[in-house]
Protein backbone atom coordinates (compact mmCIF):
# COMPACT_ATOMS: atom_id res chain seq x y z
CA ASP A 1 0.41 0.14 0.33
CA VAL A 2 2.53 3.49 -1.33
CA ARG A 3 1.29 6.46 0.28
CA GLU A 4 1.42 10.03 -1.60
CA ILE A 5 3.74 12.16 0.53
CA ASP A 6 2.48 15.62 -0.06
CA ALA A 7 3.87 19.15 1.42
CA ILE A 8 2.51 18.27 4.82
CA ASP A 9 4.56 14.98 6.04
CA CYS A 10 7.60 16.79 4.95
CA ILE A 11 6.80 19.87 7.31
CA ALA A 12 5.82 16.99 10.06
CA TRP A 13 9.07 15.33 9.74
CA THR A 14 11.14 18.10 10.79
CA ILE A 15 10.22 18.55 13.85
CA GLN A 16 11.74 16.02 16.17
CA THR A 17 10.24 15.48 19.65
CA ASN A 18 10.75 12.92 22.80
CA VAL A 19 6.91 13.08 23.22
CA PRO A 20 5.52 10.31 22.97
CA GLN A 21 2.37 10.06 20.10
CA GLY A 22 -0.40 10.85 22.81
CA LYS A 23 0.88 12.57 24.46
CA ILE A 24 0.48 15.86 23.01
CA GLU A 25 -1.53 18.38 24.03
CA LYS A 26 -0.52 21.49 21.68
CA ILE A 27 1.45 22.51 18.67
CA VAL A 28 2.44 26.44 19.13
CA ARG A 29 4.85 26.84 16.17
CA GLN A 30 6.76 30.11 15.28
CA GLY A 31 8.26 30.81 12.74
CA ASP A 32 11.18 28.43 12.90
CA CYS A 33 10.45 28.35 16.70
CA ILE A 34 7.91 25.16 17.59
CA LEU A 35 6.48 24.44 20.97
CA ILE A 36 5.48 21.43 22.24
CA LYS A 37 3.28 21.41 24.85
CA PRO A 38 3.23 18.13 26.68
CA LYS A 39 -0.02 16.36 28.60
CA LYS A 40 1.34 15.43 32.01
CA ASN A 41 2.39 12.28 33.66
CA TYR A 42 3.72 11.69 30.39
CA VAL A 43 7.04 9.97 29.98
CA PRO A 44 9.63 11.10 27.53
CA LEU A 45 11.65 9.01 25.21
CA ASP A 46 15.00 7.35 25.02
CA ASN A 47 15.16 8.73 21.77
CA GLU A 48 12.89 11.95 19.19
CA ARG A 49 10.49 10.68 16.82
CA HIS A 50 9.68 13.03 13.72
CA LEU A 51 6.20 14.08 14.05
CA THR A 52 3.12 13.16 11.65
CA LYS A 53 0.83 14.18 9.61
CA LYS A 54 -1.97 14.15 11.29
CA GLU A 55 -0.39 15.05 14.55
CA TYR A 56 0.74 18.28 12.99
CA LEU A 57 -2.54 19.40 11.54
CA THR A 58 -4.98 18.90 14.65
CA LEU A 59 -2.10 19.52 16.70
CA LEU A 60 -1.37 22.31 15.97
CA VAL A 61 -3.14 25.45 17.78
CA ALA A 62 -1.92 28.52 17.04
CA GLU A 63 1.12 29.67 13.70
CA SER A 64 2.83 33.18 12.87
């Protein structure tokens, strides 16, 4: 099953975090500065991971 990669996939992939999937409360983007607010009581990952397109589209609350 092949899925086409689009620009949003690429933008999301450039953002890395140690917050596990499902544990991000919101994402705030101010230019090149990305702020990720985790949910309470999350356990950071040992390694960073890339954001998914779905996380970027659903959790981004402000962009300037």
